[in-house]
Amino acid sequence: MEQIENESVMLNVLNNNEDSTNNTINTNDDSFDLELITSEELVVNTDEENQILLAEQNVESNETINYYEEIEISENIGLKERQYWIDALRILASYMVVLVNSSSYAINDVHIFSSSWYGLMFWDAMSRACVPLFIMISGTLFLNPKKDIPISKIYKKYIFRILKCIIFWNVFYGTVVKYLVNPFKTQHKWGYNIVTDFITDVLYGKFHLWYLYMGIGLYMVIPILRAITSNMKTLKYYLGLGVTVSYFIPFISNLIRDILPSLYIGKLNGVFAKFMICITIGFSIYYTLGYFLSVYEIKKKSILNWIYIFGLVNLFFTYGIKMILSIKKQEEYIFYDDYNAFNVFSVAVAIFLFFKYYVKELLNKLLLIKRFKILLLALSNLSFGVYLIHIFYFEIFFALNFHSYTFNPFIFSPIFALFIWVCGAVTVYFMKQVPILRNFV
């Protein structure tokens, strides 16, 4: 399994061919990977094409700047050892994607306020940090200003690879899944509309493939964002502005509107919107934040503990506030589960740092077991393909009337998601054995 050296976002298209027991950097491989990228000590695995969605690792930089007493920034150069906590995080994030879809995919099929609805909503809220995690990890690698990533390479190599992947899977879902699996038992009438529907499917794609399109957008702005990450003071300003304007202020405004409506100023969000600070909108904040957290060293455990606690509180806050407001309004309330919601943002930061510091230490012990290392790398290598194909299995089981709410969703939904993940992983493993197919998983 390999991790390409320059990938972006939750879109790290995995297609590595790396030796699972040898973690040296391979700079000659052209396989396609979308993976997550590392932070503090990044590892370069040069399958430079596929790592947009699922994260990747690399190393190159070397400077330490103190900003606060307990926190410092340290860019480590020449660290060749692989960052296995990134592989573990990639696996978790890919499972969370399956879990969030296994829950949200079925919510409309059950009665609102039923026990099944509460269960599905719970796991949907618990797994909302999946996309931010993928984006943050990808940004860690691509926004390292020390790396040479020419604009021509971004378009000819990375974006071109994603486009091929988009076309392949859009055709697959627009033909095999739509007409053969046909989970909703739709009666298709053959005629001219079949052609127009197919063109629409190829261009627009299945709902979960939005991430690939977004990944292309992040690739396009890499040169701009790298200009920001090249100066730490500018980067801190950009993140402070972005988190405040895009996440925190809308979050507080929504809370006041929903909890203390008498104090709500209806035009507050509109006032900030008038500034039109579009550069801080969307996933570019997560992208740059991933790089920032990867080089930002937090020395005091007490600070990390407070971050973990804050993230945990917001994890359950996401579920609690949605339940309270849904009951109050007698309809599903979704304003607090957006990927750009401040509560989701804080959960993603806490998980990212937890893996960077705590899981990394744990893995250092477990990796002494050779079979564990092989398994970790193998599962990591399959993660992106699982992301691409998991909706295929959802729809197969939907057609068979087997769902995440077939049994009590509080218990069964994560089990169902794991089952889907394993089915996808097995399929992707065999697809990787076929030369023509391995470039698409």
Protein backbone atom coordinates (compact mmCIF):
# COMPACT_ATOMS: atom_id res chain seq x y z
CA MET A 1 0.00 0.00 0.00
CA GLU A 2 1.28 3.45 -0.76
CA GLN A 3 0.57 6.91 0.22
CA ILE A 4 1.13 9.43 -2.45
CA GLU A 5 3.15 12.40 -1.74
CA ASN A 6 0.88 15.18 -2.78
CA GLU A 7 -2.77 14.62 -2.19
CA SER A 8 -5.62 16.71 -1.07
CA VAL A 9 -8.71 16.51 1.05
CA MET A 10 -11.05 13.79 2.01
CA LEU A 11 -10.42 12.85 -1.41
CA ASN A 12 -7.21 10.98 -1.14
CA VAL A 13 -7.74 8.41 -3.79
CA LEU A 14 -5.89 5.36 -2.56
CA ASN A 15 -4.15 3.16 -4.93
CA ASN A 16 -0.85 2.49 -3.29
CA ASN A 17 1.54 -0.24 -4.04
CA GLU A 18 3.75 0.16 -1.06
CA ASP A 19 5.60 -2.54 0.75
CA SER A 20 3.70 -2.89 3.97
CA THR A 21 6.76 -3.77 5.92
CA ASN A 22 9.14 -1.27 4.43
CA ASN A 23 8.24 2.34 5.10
CA THR A 24 10.74 4.10 2.91
CA ILE A 25 9.53 6.77 0.53
CA ASN A 26 8.70 5.60 -2.94
CA THR A 27 8.94 8.45 -5.41
CA ASN A 28 8.61 6.59 -8.66
CA ASP A 29 5.18 5.01 -8.33
CA ASP A 30 2.27 6.46 -10.24
CA SER A 31 -0.60 4.65 -8.59
CA PHE A 32 -3.71 6.60 -7.71
CA ASP A 33 -4.48 7.26 -4.02
CA LEU A 34 -6.83 9.50 -2.18
CA GLU A 35 -5.76 9.48 1.41
CA LEU A 36 -5.22 11.52 4.49
CA ILE A 37 -2.03 13.34 5.07
CA THR A 38 0.10 13.59 8.15
CA SER A 39 0.94 16.37 10.37
CA GLU A 40 3.76 16.77 12.73
CA GLU A 41 6.18 14.41 11.04
CA LEU A 42 4.86 13.87 7.58
CA VAL A 43 5.87 10.93 5.53
CA VAL A 44 6.16 11.05 1.77
CA ASN A 45 4.80 8.01 0.04
CA THR A 46 5.03 8.87 -3.56
CA ASP A 47 2.10 7.31 -5.11
CA GLU A 48 1.33 10.93 -5.77
CA GLU A 49 -1.92 10.58 -7.44
CA ASN A 50 -4.57 9.11 -5.31
CA GLN A 51 -4.36 10.84 -2.07
CA ILE A 52 -6.98 13.41 -2.22
CA LEU A 53 -9.59 12.00 -0.05
CA LEU A 54 -8.10 9.75 2.47
CA ALA A 55 -4.91 11.29 3.68
CA GLU A 56 -1.27 10.93 3.18
CA GLN A 57 2.04 11.37 4.88
CA ASN A 58 5.21 13.26 4.18
CA VAL A 59 8.14 14.96 5.74
CA GLU A 60 9.95 18.01 4.87
CA SER A 61 10.69 21.06 6.82
CA ASN A 62 12.71 22.09 9.70
CA GLU A 63 12.10 25.04 11.86
CA THR A 64 10.75 25.70 15.26
CA ILE A 65 8.90 28.85 16.22
CA ASN A 66 7.52 29.47 19.68
CA TYR A 67 4.23 31.31 19.82
CA TYR A 68 3.13 30.67 23.35
CA GLU A 69 4.74 29.27 26.44
CA GLU A 70 3.33 25.79 26.15
CA ILE A 71 2.87 25.58 22.39
CA GLU A 72 5.37 25.71 19.62
CA ILE A 73 5.49 25.13 15.93
CA SER A 74 7.98 22.69 14.68
CA GLU A 75 8.42 21.62 11.10
CA ASN A 76 10.54 18.51 11.03
CA ILE A 77 12.71 17.84 8.03
CA GLY A 78 13.94 14.52 6.85
CA LEU A 79 11.76 12.35 9.08
CA LYS A 80 11.45 9.26 6.95
CA GLU A 81 9.50 7.00 9.28
CA ARG A 82 5.91 6.48 8.32
CA GLN A 83 3.26 8.08 10.49
CA TYR A 84 1.05 5.11 11.25
CA TRP A 85 -1.42 7.14 13.26
CA ILE A 86 -2.47 8.69 9.96
CA ASP A 87 -3.24 5.22 8.60
CA ALA A 88 -5.31 4.51 11.71
CA LEU A 89 -7.12 7.85 11.40
CA ARG A 90 -7.82 7.21 7.73
CA ILE A 91 -9.43 3.89 8.56
CA LEU A 92 -11.56 5.45 11.31
CA ALA A 93 -12.63 8.36 9.09
CA SER A 94 -13.59 6.06 6.23
CA TYR A 95 -15.67 3.96 8.63
CA MET A 96 -17.31 7.15 9.94
CA VAL A 97 -18.28 8.03 6.36
CA VAL A 98 -20.01 4.67 6.01
CA LEU A 99 -21.66 5.11 9.42
CA VAL A 100 -22.94 8.60 8.68
CA ASN A 101 -24.40 7.40 5.39
CA SER A 102 -25.86 4.23 6.88
CA SER A 103 -27.72 6.48 9.29
CA SER A 104 -28.66 9.49 7.17
CA TYR A 105 -29.45 7.24 4.19
CA ALA A 106 -32.20 5.55 6.20
CA ILE A 107 -33.58 8.40 8.30
CA ASN A 108 -36.29 9.28 5.78
CA ASP A 109 -37.46 5.66 5.75
CA VAL A 110 -38.53 5.63 9.41
CA HIS A 111 -41.17 7.59 11.25
CA ILE A 112 -39.89 10.76 12.86
CA PHE A 113 -39.60 10.51 16.66
CA SER A 114 -39.75 6.72 16.53
CA SER A 115 -37.12 4.73 18.41
CA SER A 116 -35.45 3.90 15.08
CA TRP A 117 -35.33 7.58 14.18
CA TYR A 118 -33.63 8.47 17.47
CA GLY A 119 -31.08 5.71 16.94
CA LEU A 120 -30.26 6.73 13.39
CA MET A 121 -29.99 10.38 14.37
CA PHE A 122 -27.61 9.46 17.18
CA TRP A 123 -25.08 7.72 14.95
CA ASP A 124 -25.47 10.38 12.28
CA ALA A 125 -24.43 12.99 14.88
CA MET A 126 -21.58 10.84 16.22
CA SER A 127 -19.89 10.51 12.82
CA ARG A 128 -20.22 14.05 11.41
CA ALA A 129 -16.49 14.81 11.78
CA CYS A 130 -15.54 12.34 9.04
CA VAL A 131 -15.29 14.79 6.14
CA PRO A 132 -13.45 17.53 8.09
CA LEU A 133 -10.90 14.92 9.21
CA PHE A 134 -10.15 13.83 5.66
CA ILE A 135 -9.74 17.41 4.52
CA MET A 136 -7.51 18.38 7.43
CA ILE A 137 -5.21 15.44 6.92
CA SER A 138 -4.92 16.09 3.20
CA GLY A 139 -4.09 19.73 3.77
CA THR A 140 -1.24 18.68 6.01
CA LEU A 141 0.63 17.39 3.01
CA PHE A 142 -0.41 19.58 0.12
CA LEU A 143 -0.04 22.87 1.92
CA ASN A 144 3.48 22.29 3.15
CA PRO A 145 5.27 25.27 1.53
CA LYS A 146 8.53 23.33 1.52
CA LYS A 147 7.18 20.90 -1.06
CA ASP A 148 7.50 21.66 -4.75
CA ILE A 149 4.07 21.27 -6.35
CA PRO A 150 3.96 23.06 -9.74
CA ILE A 151 0.57 24.18 -11.00
CA SER A 152 1.07 22.07 -14.13
CA LYS A 153 1.47 18.98 -11.98
CA ILE A 154 -1.70 19.77 -10.03
CA TYR A 155 -3.75 19.78 -13.24
CA LYS A 156 -1.98 17.15 -15.33
CA LYS A 157 -1.54 14.64 -12.58
CA TYR A 158 -3.85 15.06 -9.64
CA ILE A 159 -6.94 16.67 -11.15
CA PHE A 160 -6.73 14.46 -14.23
CA ARG A 161 -6.65 11.38 -12.00
CA ILE A 162 -9.71 12.50 -10.07
CA LEU A 163 -11.60 13.23 -13.27
CA LYS A 164 -10.98 9.68 -14.47
CA CYS A 165 -12.21 8.36 -11.15
CA ILE A 166 -15.33 10.54 -11.29
CA ILE A 167 -16.22 9.36 -14.79
CA PHE A 168 -15.70 5.68 -13.93
CA TRP A 169 -17.85 5.70 -10.80
CA ASN A 170 -20.50 7.98 -12.25
CA VAL A 171 -20.92 5.57 -15.15
CA PHE A 172 -20.99 2.63 -12.74
CA TYR A 173 -23.69 4.14 -10.53
CA GLY A 174 -25.60 5.51 -13.52
CA THR A 175 -25.83 2.11 -15.22
CA VAL A 176 -25.11 -0.98 -13.09
CA VAL A 177 -26.59 0.35 -9.86
CA LYS A 178 -29.43 2.37 -11.38
CA TYR A 179 -30.75 -0.27 -13.78
CA LEU A 180 -29.51 -3.64 -12.48
CA VAL A 181 -29.58 -3.15 -8.73
CA ASN A 182 -32.49 -0.69 -8.99
CA PRO A 183 -32.99 -0.47 -5.20
CA PHE A 184 -36.16 1.61 -5.42
CA LYS A 185 -37.78 -0.68 -8.01
CA THR A 186 -38.15 2.21 -10.45
CA GLN A 187 -39.97 1.41 -13.69
CA HIS A 188 -37.61 2.75 -16.36
CA LYS A 189 -39.08 3.50 -19.76
CA TRP A 190 -36.63 3.11 -22.59
CA GLY A 191 -36.46 6.11 -24.84
CA TYR A 192 -34.64 9.34 -25.51
CA ASN A 193 -34.84 10.23 -21.81
CA ILE A 194 -32.48 7.34 -21.05
CA VAL A 195 -29.74 9.18 -22.94
CA THR A 196 -30.34 12.49 -21.21
CA ASP A 197 -30.57 10.78 -17.80
CA PHE A 198 -27.28 9.00 -18.45
CA ILE A 199 -25.54 12.24 -19.39
CA THR A 200 -26.90 13.84 -16.23
CA ASP A 201 -25.69 10.91 -14.12
CA VAL A 202 -22.21 11.03 -15.64
CA LEU A 203 -21.92 14.77 -15.10
CA TYR A 204 -23.55 15.07 -11.68
CA GLY A 205 -22.81 11.70 -10.12
CA LYS A 206 -24.07 9.79 -7.09
CA PHE A 207 -24.68 11.92 -4.01
CA HIS A 208 -21.64 10.72 -2.03
CA LEU A 209 -19.23 11.51 -4.86
CA TRP A 210 -19.60 15.24 -4.21
CA TYR A 211 -16.33 14.91 -2.32
CA LEU A 212 -14.39 14.17 -5.49
CA TYR A 213 -15.67 17.37 -7.09
CA MET A 214 -14.84 19.32 -3.96
CA GLY A 215 -11.37 17.77 -4.00
CA ILE A 216 -10.78 19.18 -7.47
CA GLY A 217 -11.75 22.60 -6.16
CA LEU A 218 -9.26 22.30 -3.31
CA TYR A 219 -6.57 21.22 -5.74
CA MET A 220 -7.22 24.34 -7.76
CA VAL A 221 -6.61 26.66 -4.81
CA ILE A 222 -3.51 24.85 -3.53
CA PRO A 223 -1.12 27.51 -4.93
CA ILE A 224 -3.14 30.27 -3.23
CA LEU A 225 -3.39 28.52 0.12
CA ARG A 226 0.29 27.60 0.04
CA ALA A 227 1.07 31.29 -0.17
CA ILE A 228 -0.81 31.62 3.12
CA THR A 229 0.83 28.64 4.83
CA SER A 230 4.29 29.88 3.85
CA ASN A 231 3.98 32.61 6.48
CA MET A 232 2.95 31.45 9.94
CA LYS A 233 1.67 34.85 11.04
CA THR A 234 -0.51 35.10 7.92
CA LEU A 235 -1.70 31.53 8.43
CA LYS A 236 -2.74 32.21 12.02
CA TYR A 237 -4.60 35.33 10.94
CA TYR A 238 -6.33 33.47 8.12
CA LEU A 239 -7.43 30.65 10.41
CA GLY A 240 -8.55 33.03 13.14
CA LEU A 241 -10.60 35.04 10.68
CA GLY A 242 -12.02 31.97 8.96
CA VAL A 243 -13.00 30.10 12.11
CA THR A 244 -14.59 33.24 13.57
CA VAL A 245 -16.52 34.33 10.49
CA SER A 246 -17.41 30.96 8.98
CA TYR A 247 -17.91 28.76 12.05
CA PHE A 248 -18.17 30.60 15.36
CA ILE A 249 -20.37 33.64 14.58
CA PRO A 250 -22.97 31.62 12.61
CA PHE A 251 -22.97 29.05 15.43
CA ILE A 252 -23.63 31.67 18.14
CA SER A 253 -26.21 33.38 15.97
CA ASN A 254 -28.06 30.09 15.44
CA LEU A 255 -27.94 29.30 19.16
CA ILE A 256 -29.43 32.67 20.07
CA ARG A 257 -32.12 32.24 17.42
CA ASP A 258 -33.04 28.77 18.65
CA ILE A 259 -32.52 29.09 22.42
CA LEU A 260 -33.05 32.80 23.16
CA PRO A 261 -35.17 34.07 20.28
CA SER A 262 -36.00 37.29 22.13
CA LEU A 263 -32.33 38.31 21.86
CA TYR A 264 -31.93 37.24 18.26
CA ILE A 265 -30.98 39.90 15.74
CA GLY A 266 -32.34 38.49 12.52
CA LYS A 267 -30.01 40.39 10.21
CA LEU A 268 -26.79 39.60 12.12
CA ASN A 269 -25.63 36.89 9.74
CA GLY A 270 -26.64 39.10 6.84
CA VAL A 271 -24.40 41.88 8.15
CA PHE A 272 -21.34 39.62 8.07
CA ALA A 273 -22.40 38.24 4.71
CA LYS A 274 -22.20 41.76 3.32
CA PHE A 275 -18.45 41.71 3.91
CA MET A 276 -18.28 38.90 1.32
CA ILE A 277 -15.08 37.41 2.71
CA CYS A 278 -15.45 34.45 0.38
CA ILE A 279 -11.87 33.23 0.78
CA THR A 280 -12.68 32.07 4.31
CA ILE A 281 -15.83 30.19 3.30
CA GLY A 282 -16.08 26.44 2.81
CA PHE A 283 -13.54 23.71 3.32
CA SER A 284 -10.40 25.78 2.75
CA ILE A 285 -10.36 26.47 6.50
CA TYR A 286 -10.17 22.76 7.32
CA TYR A 287 -7.56 22.36 4.61
CA THR A 288 -5.22 24.96 6.07
CA LEU A 289 -6.07 23.94 9.64
CA GLY A 290 -4.79 20.44 8.93
CA TYR A 291 -1.39 21.79 8.00
CA PHE A 292 -1.34 24.18 10.96
CA LEU A 293 -2.16 21.49 13.52
CA SER A 294 0.40 19.17 11.98
CA VAL A 295 3.25 21.58 12.74
CA TYR A 296 1.81 23.04 15.92
CA GLU A 297 3.20 21.30 18.97
CA ILE A 298 1.11 21.35 22.13
CA LYS A 299 3.42 20.59 25.02
CA LYS A 300 1.01 20.76 27.95
CA LYS A 301 -1.19 17.73 28.45
CA SER A 302 -3.70 19.88 30.29
CA ILE A 303 -4.33 21.88 27.12
CA LEU A 304 -4.83 18.70 25.12
CA ASN A 305 -7.17 17.33 27.76
CA TRP A 306 -9.33 20.45 27.62
CA ILE A 307 -9.45 20.18 23.82
CA TYR A 308 -10.54 16.54 24.11
CA ILE A 309 -13.20 17.40 26.69
CA PHE A 310 -14.51 20.29 24.58
CA GLY A 311 -14.68 18.02 21.54
CA LEU A 312 -16.48 15.30 23.50
CA VAL A 313 -19.00 17.80 24.86
CA ASN A 314 -19.70 19.08 21.36
CA LEU A 315 -20.01 15.53 20.05
CA PHE A 316 -23.00 14.92 22.31
CA PHE A 317 -24.17 18.51 21.94
CA THR A 318 -24.69 17.85 18.22
CA TYR A 319 -27.11 15.05 19.01
CA GLY A 320 -28.75 16.75 21.97
CA ILE A 321 -29.47 20.09 20.32
CA LYS A 322 -30.86 18.39 17.22
CA MET A 323 -33.21 16.27 19.33
CA ILE A 324 -34.37 19.19 21.47
CA LEU A 325 -35.05 21.47 18.51
CA SER A 326 -36.58 18.72 16.38
CA ILE A 327 -39.06 17.94 19.16
CA LYS A 328 -39.74 21.64 19.68
CA LYS A 329 -40.39 22.27 15.99
CA GLN A 330 -41.92 18.85 15.30
CA GLU A 331 -39.64 18.28 12.35
CA GLU A 332 -36.08 17.17 11.79
CA TYR A 333 -33.74 20.06 12.56
CA ILE A 334 -30.43 19.93 10.71
CA PHE A 335 -28.66 23.26 11.33
CA TYR A 336 -26.12 21.80 13.75
CA ASP A 337 -24.87 18.80 11.81
CA ASP A 338 -23.35 20.66 8.86
CA TYR A 339 -19.67 19.88 8.28
CA ASN A 340 -18.95 23.59 8.75
CA ALA A 341 -20.83 23.86 12.05
CA PHE A 342 -18.63 25.01 14.92
CA ASN A 343 -19.56 22.01 17.08
CA VAL A 344 -18.55 19.60 14.30
CA PHE A 345 -15.36 21.61 13.76
CA SER A 346 -14.39 21.25 17.44
CA VAL A 347 -14.99 17.48 17.34
CA ALA A 348 -12.77 17.11 14.26
CA VAL A 349 -9.94 19.08 15.91
CA ALA A 350 -10.15 16.96 19.05
CA ILE A 351 -10.05 13.67 17.12
CA PHE A 352 -7.18 14.85 14.91
CA LEU A 353 -5.06 15.83 17.92
CA PHE A 354 -6.04 12.69 19.85
CA PHE A 355 -4.62 10.56 17.05
CA LYS A 356 -1.57 12.77 16.62
CA TYR A 357 -0.57 12.49 20.27
CA TYR A 358 -2.29 9.58 22.03
CA VAL A 359 -2.94 7.02 19.28
CA LYS A 360 0.54 7.57 17.90
CA GLU A 361 2.07 6.47 21.20
CA LEU A 362 -0.22 3.47 21.42
CA LEU A 363 0.62 2.39 17.88
CA ASN A 364 4.34 2.59 18.60
CA LYS A 365 3.81 -0.37 20.92
CA LEU A 366 1.38 -2.30 18.74
CA LEU A 367 3.56 -1.92 15.65
CA LEU A 368 6.13 -4.19 17.25
CA ILE A 369 3.71 -6.93 16.22
CA LYS A 370 4.48 -7.44 12.54
CA ARG A 371 1.06 -8.81 11.64
CA PHE A 372 -0.62 -5.79 13.18
CA LYS A 373 1.44 -3.48 11.01
CA ILE A 374 0.59 -5.46 7.87
CA LEU A 375 -3.11 -5.40 8.75
CA LEU A 376 -3.07 -1.67 9.51
CA LEU A 377 -1.43 -0.83 6.19
CA ALA A 378 -3.70 -3.18 4.25
CA LEU A 379 -6.88 -1.67 5.69
CA SER A 380 -5.56 1.83 5.17
CA ASN A 381 -4.87 1.03 1.54
CA LEU A 382 -8.46 -0.10 1.02
CA SER A 383 -10.12 2.91 2.65
CA PHE A 384 -10.65 5.14 -0.35
CA GLY A 385 -12.10 2.37 -2.46
CA VAL A 386 -14.51 1.58 0.36
CA TYR A 387 -15.66 5.19 0.29
CA LEU A 388 -16.35 4.94 -3.44
CA ILE A 389 -18.19 1.65 -3.40
CA HIS A 390 -20.05 1.58 -0.09
CA ILE A 391 -23.24 3.13 -1.51
CA PHE A 392 -23.36 0.25 -3.99
CA TYR A 393 -23.72 -2.15 -1.07
CA PHE A 394 -26.22 0.11 0.68
CA GLU A 395 -28.44 -0.08 -2.37
CA ILE A 396 -28.02 -3.83 -2.80
CA PHE A 397 -29.13 -4.42 0.78
CA PHE A 398 -31.87 -1.83 0.41
CA ALA A 399 -33.26 -3.84 -2.49
CA LEU A 400 -33.12 -6.91 -0.22
CA ASN A 401 -34.97 -4.99 2.51
CA PHE A 402 -31.99 -5.17 4.86
CA HIS A 403 -31.26 -1.84 6.56
CA SER A 404 -29.40 -0.21 9.41
CA TYR A 405 -32.76 -0.06 11.21
CA THR A 406 -33.71 -3.69 10.62
CA PHE A 407 -32.88 -4.12 14.29
CA ASN A 408 -32.52 -1.50 17.05
CA PRO A 409 -30.41 1.20 15.31
CA PHE A 410 -28.75 2.27 18.57
CA ILE A 411 -27.01 -1.11 18.52
CA PHE A 412 -27.31 -2.32 14.95
CA SER A 413 -26.45 0.79 12.91
CA PRO A 414 -22.67 0.73 13.69
CA ILE A 415 -22.65 -3.06 13.13
CA PHE A 416 -24.41 -2.63 9.80
CA ALA A 417 -21.89 0.07 8.82
CA LEU A 418 -19.01 -2.25 9.74
CA PHE A 419 -20.55 -5.00 7.64
CA ILE A 420 -20.82 -2.63 4.68
CA TRP A 421 -17.23 -1.48 5.24
CA VAL A 422 -15.96 -5.06 5.20
CA CYS A 423 -17.95 -5.91 2.06
CA GLY A 424 -16.48 -2.86 0.37
CA ALA A 425 -12.96 -3.66 1.56
CA VAL A 426 -13.10 -7.21 0.21
CA THR A 427 -14.40 -5.97 -3.15
CA VAL A 428 -11.75 -3.27 -3.37
CA TYR A 429 -9.03 -5.78 -2.52
CA PHE A 430 -9.96 -7.91 -5.54
CA MET A 431 -10.38 -4.86 -7.76
CA LYS A 432 -6.82 -3.89 -6.93
CA GLN A 433 -5.66 -7.19 -8.38
CA VAL A 434 -7.01 -6.17 -11.78
CA PRO A 435 -4.67 -3.68 -13.54
CA ILE A 436 -7.47 -1.88 -15.35
CA LEU A 437 -9.53 -1.39 -12.20
CA ARG A 438 -6.89 -0.56 -9.62
CA ASN A 439 -6.61 3.02 -10.85
CA PHE A 440 -10.18 3.67 -9.74
CA VAL A 441 -10.02 2.41 -6.17
